[in-house]
Amino acid sequence: MAVVLDLFARRVVGFSVSDSPNSTLTAKALQMAYQTRLKPNGVLFHSDQGTHYTSKQFAESVASCHGMVQSMS
């Protein structure tokens, strides 16, 4: 399961469930969050440096969310 939290509102805004943890799982959770928050502009998506978040597929998913910037600790 991958979950996206809105830290300002302190609630779950996106999630995805899969039999295997991969970039598709995290990208689906991100897209759900983006749609749930009505395609916000100027949003920061922060994650760790795990392979799911550093993959090309996830980077393309972030880029498809116009105005979103990715941050990793």
PDB file of N, CA and C in Angstrom:
ATOM      1  N   MET A   1       0.838  -1.170   0.000  1.00  0.00           N
ATOM      2  CA  MET A   1       0.000   0.000   0.000  1.00  0.00           C
ATOM      3  C   MET A   1       0.887   1.239   0.000  1.00  0.00           C
ATOM      4  N   ALA A   2       0.544   2.197  -0.832  1.00  0.00           N
ATOM      5  CA  ALA A   2       1.224   3.495  -0.852  1.00  0.00           C
ATOM      6  C   ALA A   2       0.194   4.556  -0.473  1.00  0.00           C
ATOM      7  N   VAL A   3       0.582   5.468   0.383  1.00  0.00           N
ATOM      8  CA  VAL A   3      -0.321   6.511   0.878  1.00  0.00           C
ATOM      9  C   VAL A   3       0.321   7.869   0.679  1.00  0.00           C
ATOM     10  N   VAL A   4      -0.481   8.854   0.249  1.00  0.00           N
ATOM     11  CA  VAL A   4      -0.026  10.238   0.121  1.00  0.00           C
ATOM     12  C   VAL A   4      -0.798  11.054   1.150  1.00  0.00           C
ATOM     13  N   LEU A   5      -0.059  11.746   2.005  1.00  0.00           N
ATOM     14  CA  LEU A   5      -0.669  12.574   3.040  1.00  0.00           C
ATOM     15  C   LEU A   5      -0.540  14.043   2.684  1.00  0.00           C
ATOM     16  N   ASP A   6      -1.591  14.802   2.935  1.00  0.00           N
ATOM     17  CA  ASP A   6      -1.537  16.256   2.848  1.00  0.00           C
ATOM     18  C   ASP A   6      -1.127  16.712   4.246  1.00  0.00           C
ATOM     19  N   LEU A   7       0.099  17.166   4.383  1.00  0.00           N
ATOM     20  CA  LEU A   7       0.593  17.524   5.714  1.00  0.00           C
ATOM     21  C   LEU A   7      -0.067  18.769   6.286  1.00  0.00           C
ATOM     22  N   PHE A   8      -0.556  19.667   5.423  1.00  0.00           N
ATOM     23  CA  PHE A   8      -1.244  20.853   5.913  1.00  0.00           C
ATOM     24  C   PHE A   8      -2.613  20.476   6.477  1.00  0.00           C
ATOM     25  N   ALA A   9      -3.390  19.704   5.700  1.00  0.00           N
ATOM     26  CA  ALA A   9      -4.729  19.303   6.130  1.00  0.00           C
ATOM     27  C   ALA A   9      -4.701  18.098   7.075  1.00  0.00           C
ATOM     28  N   ARG A  10      -3.539  17.424   7.134  1.00  0.00           N
ATOM     29  CA  ARG A  10      -3.377  16.250   7.986  1.00  0.00           C
ATOM     30  C   ARG A  10      -4.377  15.154   7.662  1.00  0.00           C
ATOM     31  N   ARG A  11      -4.459  14.826   6.349  1.00  0.00           N
ATOM     32  CA  ARG A  11      -5.349  13.743   5.954  1.00  0.00           C
ATOM     33  C   ARG A  11      -4.797  13.016   4.735  1.00  0.00           C
ATOM     34  N   VAL A  12      -5.282  11.807   4.540  1.00  0.00           N
ATOM     35  CA  VAL A  12      -4.912  11.013   3.376  1.00  0.00           C
ATOM     36  C   VAL A  12      -5.628  11.584   2.160  1.00  0.00           C
ATOM     37  N   VAL A  13      -4.875  11.877   1.104  1.00  0.00           N
ATOM     38  CA  VAL A  13      -5.481  12.410  -0.122  1.00  0.00           C
ATOM     39  C   VAL A  13      -5.293  11.465  -1.306  1.00  0.00           C
ATOM     40  N   GLY A  14      -4.477  10.436  -1.137  1.00  0.00           N
ATOM     41  CA  GLY A  14      -4.286   9.459  -2.199  1.00  0.00           C
ATOM     42  C   GLY A  14      -3.726   8.166  -1.650  1.00  0.00           C
ATOM     43  N   PHE A  15      -4.092   7.065  -2.308  1.00  0.00           N
ATOM     44  CA  PHE A  15      -3.548   5.770  -1.908  1.00  0.00           C
ATOM     45  C   PHE A  15      -3.662   4.798  -3.073  1.00  0.00           C
ATOM     46  N   SER A  16      -2.916   3.729  -2.981  1.00  0.00           N
ATOM     47  CA  SER A  16      -2.958   2.672  -3.981  1.00  0.00           C
ATOM     48  C   SER A  16      -2.555   1.368  -3.306  1.00  0.00           C
ATOM     49  N   VAL A  17      -3.142   0.277  -3.766  1.00  0.00           N
ATOM     50  CA  VAL A  17      -2.852  -1.037  -3.208  1.00  0.00           C
ATOM     51  C   VAL A  17      -2.426  -1.956  -4.346  1.00  0.00           C
ATOM     52  N   SER A  18      -1.404  -2.770  -4.096  1.00  0.00           N
ATOM     53  CA  SER A  18      -0.897  -3.683  -5.121  1.00  0.00           C
ATOM     54  C   SER A  18      -0.265  -4.898  -4.460  1.00  0.00           C
ATOM     55  N   ASP A  19      -0.149  -5.987  -5.226  1.00  0.00           N
ATOM     56  CA  ASP A  19       0.526  -7.187  -4.728  1.00  0.00           C
ATOM     57  C   ASP A  19       2.036  -6.995  -4.669  1.00  0.00           C
ATOM     58  N   SER A  20       2.549  -6.050  -5.459  1.00  0.00           N
ATOM     59  CA  SER A  20       3.994  -5.827  -5.459  1.00  0.00           C
ATOM     60  C   SER A  20       4.301  -4.338  -5.339  1.00  0.00           C
ATOM     61  N   PRO A  21       5.200  -3.985  -4.419  1.00  0.00           N
ATOM     62  CA  PRO A  21       5.581  -2.578  -4.284  1.00  0.00           C
ATOM     63  C   PRO A  21       6.501  -2.173  -5.440  1.00  0.00           C
ATOM     64  N   ASN A  22       6.039  -1.221  -6.238  1.00  0.00           N
ATOM     65  CA  ASN A  22       6.847  -0.755  -7.374  1.00  0.00           C
ATOM     66  C   ASN A  22       6.477   0.683  -7.704  1.00  0.00           C
ATOM     67  N   SER A  23       7.061   1.214  -8.754  1.00  0.00           N
ATOM     68  CA  SER A  23       6.824   2.610  -9.129  1.00  0.00           C
ATOM     69  C   SER A  23       5.397   2.850  -9.601  1.00  0.00           C
ATOM     70  N   THR A  24       4.769   1.844 -10.173  1.00  0.00           N
ATOM     71  CA  THR A  24       3.376   1.979 -10.598  1.00  0.00           C
ATOM     72  C   THR A  24       2.487   2.230  -9.391  1.00  0.00           C
ATOM     73  N   LEU A  25       2.739   1.525  -8.318  1.00  0.00           N
ATOM     74  CA  LEU A  25       1.978   1.688  -7.079  1.00  0.00           C
ATOM     75  C   LEU A  25       2.061   3.122  -6.567  1.00  0.00           C
ATOM     76  N   THR A  26       3.273   3.657  -6.465  1.00  0.00           N
ATOM     77  CA  THR A  26       3.439   5.008  -5.940  1.00  0.00           C
ATOM     78  C   THR A  26       2.916   6.060  -6.918  1.00  0.00           C
ATOM     79  N   ALA A  27       3.060   5.830  -8.204  1.00  0.00           N
ATOM     80  CA  ALA A  27       2.556   6.780  -9.200  1.00  0.00           C
ATOM     81  C   ALA A  27       1.030   6.853  -9.152  1.00  0.00           C
ATOM     82  N   LYS A  28       0.370   5.722  -8.957  1.00  0.00           N
ATOM     83  CA  LYS A  28      -1.103   5.718  -8.858  1.00  0.00           C
ATOM     84  C   LYS A  28      -1.569   6.482  -7.619  1.00  0.00           C
ATOM     85  N   ALA A  29      -0.867   6.314  -6.507  1.00  0.00           N
ATOM     86  CA  ALA A  29      -1.219   7.046  -5.289  1.00  0.00           C
ATOM     87  C   ALA A  29      -1.039   8.546  -5.492  1.00  0.00           C
ATOM     88  N   LEU A  30       0.039   8.930  -6.171  1.00  0.00           N
ATOM     89  CA  LEU A  30       0.289  10.340  -6.464  1.00  0.00           C
ATOM     90  C   LEU A  30      -0.810  10.920  -7.357  1.00  0.00           C
ATOM     91  N   GLN A  31      -1.170  10.207  -8.401  1.00  0.00           N
ATOM     92  CA  GLN A  31      -2.205  10.697  -9.322  1.00  0.00           C
ATOM     93  C   GLN A  31      -3.557  10.837  -8.616  1.00  0.00           C
ATOM     94  N   MET A  32      -3.878   9.897  -7.724  1.00  0.00           N
ATOM     95  CA  MET A  32      -5.122  10.000  -6.959  1.00  0.00           C
ATOM     96  C   MET A  32      -5.097  11.249  -6.083  1.00  0.00           C
ATOM     97  N   ALA A  33      -3.965  11.501  -5.429  1.00  0.00           N
ATOM     98  CA  ALA A  33      -3.842  12.691  -4.581  1.00  0.00           C
ATOM     99  C   ALA A  33      -3.990  13.964  -5.401  1.00  0.00           C
ATOM    100  N   TYR A  34      -3.371  13.985  -6.571  1.00  0.00           N
ATOM    101  CA  TYR A  34      -3.434  15.158  -7.452  1.00  0.00           C
ATOM    102  C   TYR A  34      -4.882  15.433  -7.872  1.00  0.00           C
ATOM    103  N   GLN A  35      -5.622  14.400  -8.211  1.00  0.00           N
ATOM    104  CA  GLN A  35      -7.024  14.561  -8.602  1.00  0.00           C
ATOM    105  C   GLN A  35      -7.902  14.940  -7.402  1.00  0.00           C
ATOM    106  N   THR A  36      -7.646  14.305  -6.255  1.00  0.00           N
ATOM    107  CA  THR A  36      -8.427  14.584  -5.046  1.00  0.00           C
ATOM    108  C   THR A  36      -8.301  16.042  -4.628  1.00  0.00           C
ATOM    109  N   ARG A  37      -7.094  16.593  -4.749  1.00  0.00           N
ATOM    110  CA  ARG A  37      -6.867  17.992  -4.365  1.00  0.00           C
ATOM    111  C   ARG A  37      -7.172  18.955  -5.506  1.00  0.00           C
ATOM    112  N   LEU A  38      -7.873  18.469  -6.538  1.00  0.00           N
ATOM    113  CA  LEU A  38      -8.337  19.289  -7.666  1.00  0.00           C
ATOM    114  C   LEU A  38      -7.193  19.953  -8.426  1.00  0.00           C
ATOM    115  N   LYS A  39      -6.155  19.160  -8.699  1.00  0.00           N
ATOM    116  CA  LYS A  39      -5.015  19.580  -9.510  1.00  0.00           C
ATOM    117  C   LYS A  39      -4.383  20.885  -9.017  1.00  0.00           C
ATOM    118  N   PRO A  40      -3.882  20.883  -7.790  1.00  0.00           N
ATOM    119  CA  PRO A  40      -3.296  22.110  -7.228  1.00  0.00           C
ATOM    120  C   PRO A  40      -2.012  22.513  -7.935  1.00  0.00           C
ATOM    121  N   ASN A  41      -1.703  23.767  -7.871  1.00  0.00           N
ATOM    122  CA  ASN A  41      -0.488  24.302  -8.468  1.00  0.00           C
ATOM    123  C   ASN A  41       0.460  24.722  -7.341  1.00  0.00           C
ATOM    124  N   GLY A  42       1.758  24.589  -7.557  1.00  0.00           N
ATOM    125  CA  GLY A  42       2.728  25.012  -6.550  1.00  0.00           C
ATOM    126  C   GLY A  42       2.821  24.085  -5.359  1.00  0.00           C
ATOM    127  N   VAL A  43       2.651  22.786  -5.589  1.00  0.00           N
ATOM    128  CA  VAL A  43       2.669  21.804  -4.506  1.00  0.00           C
ATOM    129  C   VAL A  43       4.026  21.117  -4.446  1.00  0.00           C
ATOM    130  N   LEU A  44       4.479  20.814  -3.249  1.00  0.00           N
ATOM    131  CA  LEU A  44       5.726  20.108  -3.023  1.00  0.00           C
ATOM    132  C   LEU A  44       5.403  18.679  -2.611  1.00  0.00           C
ATOM    133  N   PHE A  45       5.929  17.699  -3.351  1.00  0.00           N
ATOM    134  CA  PHE A  45       5.770  16.287  -2.982  1.00  0.00           C
ATOM    135  C   PHE A  45       7.082  15.844  -2.358  1.00  0.00           C
ATOM    136  N   HIS A  46       7.046  15.509  -1.070  1.00  0.00           N
ATOM    137  CA  HIS A  46       8.261  15.132  -0.353  1.00  0.00           C
ATOM    138  C   HIS A  46       8.237  13.642  -0.031  1.00  0.00           C
ATOM    139  N   SER A  47       9.357  12.980  -0.270  1.00  0.00           N
ATOM    140  CA  SER A  47       9.478  11.548   0.022  1.00  0.00           C
ATOM    141  C   SER A  47      10.911  11.230   0.426  1.00  0.00           C
ATOM    142  N   ASP A  48      11.130   9.954   0.730  1.00  0.00           N
ATOM    143  CA  ASP A  48      12.500   9.508   0.962  1.00  0.00           C
ATOM    144  C   ASP A  48      13.145   9.228  -0.396  1.00  0.00           C
ATOM    145  N   GLN A  49      14.346   8.673  -0.393  1.00  0.00           N
ATOM    146  CA  GLN A  49      15.059   8.425  -1.638  1.00  0.00           C
ATOM    147  C   GLN A  49      14.941   6.976  -2.094  1.00  0.00           C
ATOM    148  N   GLY A  50      13.840   6.335  -1.750  1.00  0.00           N
ATOM    149  CA  GLY A  50      13.610   4.954  -2.152  1.00  0.00           C
ATOM    150  C   GLY A  50      13.514   4.814  -3.663  1.00  0.00           C
ATOM    151  N   THR A  51      13.741   3.608  -4.146  1.00  0.00           N
ATOM    152  CA  THR A  51      13.759   3.367  -5.595  1.00  0.00           C
ATOM    153  C   THR A  51      12.430   3.693  -6.261  1.00  0.00           C
ATOM    154  N   HIS A  52      11.332   3.580  -5.530  1.00  0.00           N
ATOM    155  CA  HIS A  52      10.017   3.894  -6.111  1.00  0.00           C
ATOM    156  C   HIS A  52       9.910   5.371  -6.455  1.00  0.00           C
ATOM    157  N   TYR A  53      10.544   6.205  -5.662  1.00  0.00           N
ATOM    158  CA  TYR A  53      10.447   7.656  -5.846  1.00  0.00           C
ATOM    159  C   TYR A  53      11.552   8.236  -6.726  1.00  0.00           C
ATOM    160  N   THR A  54      12.599   7.468  -6.951  1.00  0.00           N
ATOM    161  CA  THR A  54      13.691   7.947  -7.806  1.00  0.00           C
ATOM    162  C   THR A  54      13.613   7.369  -9.216  1.00  0.00           C
ATOM    163  N   SER A  55      12.583   6.579  -9.489  1.00  0.00           N
ATOM    164  CA  SER A  55      12.451   5.948 -10.802  1.00  0.00           C
ATOM    165  C   SER A  55      12.012   6.959 -11.867  1.00  0.00           C
ATOM    166  N   LYS A  56      12.304   6.610 -13.097  1.00  0.00           N
ATOM    167  CA  LYS A  56      11.894   7.448 -14.231  1.00  0.00           C
ATOM    168  C   LYS A  56      10.371   7.535 -14.296  1.00  0.00           C
ATOM    169  N   GLN A  57       9.683   6.412 -14.053  1.00  0.00           N
ATOM    170  CA  GLN A  57       8.225   6.384 -14.118  1.00  0.00           C
ATOM    171  C   GLN A  57       7.606   7.353 -13.106  1.00  0.00           C
ATOM    172  N   PHE A  58       8.140   7.374 -11.886  1.00  0.00           N
ATOM    173  CA  PHE A  58       7.589   8.273 -10.878  1.00  0.00           C
ATOM    174  C   PHE A  58       7.904   9.728 -11.219  1.00  0.00           C
ATOM    175  N   ALA A  59       9.106   9.990 -11.720  1.00  0.00           N
ATOM    176  CA  ALA A  59       9.474  11.354 -12.130  1.00  0.00           C
ATOM    177  C   ALA A  59       8.537  11.860 -13.225  1.00  0.00           C
ATOM    178  N   GLU A  60       8.176  10.992 -14.156  1.00  0.00           N
ATOM    179  CA  GLU A  60       7.231  11.374 -15.212  1.00  0.00           C
ATOM    180  C   GLU A  60       5.846  11.631 -14.639  1.00  0.00           C
ATOM    181  N   SER A  61       5.463  10.869 -13.621  1.00  0.00           N
ATOM    182  CA  SER A  61       4.166  11.077 -12.974  1.00  0.00           C
ATOM    183  C   SER A  61       4.129  12.427 -12.262  1.00  0.00           C
ATOM    184  N   VAL A  62       5.212  12.790 -11.589  1.00  0.00           N
ATOM    185  CA  VAL A  62       5.297  14.105 -10.932  1.00  0.00           C
ATOM    186  C   VAL A  62       5.239  15.211 -11.987  1.00  0.00           C
ATOM    187  N   ALA A  63       5.954  15.020 -13.083  1.00  0.00           N
ATOM    188  CA  ALA A  63       5.984  16.031 -14.163  1.00  0.00           C
ATOM    189  C   ALA A  63       4.611  16.219 -14.785  1.00  0.00           C
ATOM    190  N   SER A  64       3.787  15.176 -14.790  1.00  0.00           N
ATOM    191  CA  SER A  64       2.438  15.290 -15.360  1.00  0.00           C
ATOM    192  C   SER A  64       1.496  16.084 -14.437  1.00  0.00           C
ATOM    193  N   CYS A  65       1.897  16.265 -13.200  1.00  0.00           N
ATOM    194  CA  CYS A  65       1.122  17.080 -12.238  1.00  0.00           C
ATOM    195  C   CYS A  65       1.665  18.501 -12.328  1.00  0.00           C
ATOM    196  N   HIS A  66       1.104  19.286 -13.189  1.00  0.00           N
ATOM    197  CA  HIS A  66       1.601  20.628 -13.496  1.00  0.00           C
ATOM    198  C   HIS A  66       1.755  21.476 -12.250  1.00  0.00           C
ATOM    199  N   GLY A  67       2.945  22.029 -12.079  1.00  0.00           N
ATOM    200  CA  GLY A  67       3.218  22.897 -10.946  1.00  0.00           C
ATOM    201  C   GLY A  67       3.716  22.167  -9.706  1.00  0.00           C
ATOM    202  N   MET A  68       3.836  20.831  -9.783  1.00  0.00           N
ATOM    203  CA  MET A  68       4.304  20.065  -8.625  1.00  0.00           C
ATOM    204  C   MET A  68       5.822  19.918  -8.702  1.00  0.00           C
ATOM    205  N   VAL A  69       6.463  20.009  -7.546  1.00  0.00           N
ATOM    206  CA  VAL A  69       7.902  19.857  -7.442  1.00  0.00           C
ATOM    207  C   VAL A  69       8.183  18.695  -6.497  1.00  0.00           C
ATOM    208  N   GLN A  70       9.145  17.858  -6.858  1.00  0.00           N
ATOM    209  CA  GLN A  70       9.514  16.727  -6.007  1.00  0.00           C
ATOM    210  C   GLN A  70      10.682  17.090  -5.110  1.00  0.00           C
ATOM    211  N   SER A  71      10.612  16.664  -3.860  1.00  0.00           N
ATOM    212  CA  SER A  71      11.665  16.867  -2.875  1.00  0.00           C
ATOM    213  C   SER A  71      11.947  15.533  -2.215  1.00  0.00           C
ATOM    214  N   MET A  72      13.228  15.248  -1.980  1.00  0.00           N
ATOM    215  CA  MET A  72      13.592  13.996  -1.295  1.00  0.00           C
ATOM    216  C   MET A  72      14.586  14.296  -0.179  1.00  0.00           C
ATOM    217  N   SER A  73      14.414  13.602   0.951  1.00  0.00           N
ATOM    218  CA  SER A  73      15.341  13.785   2.069  1.00  0.00           C
ATOM    219  C   SER A  73      16.508  12.840   1.940  1.00  0.00           C
TER     220      SER A  73
END
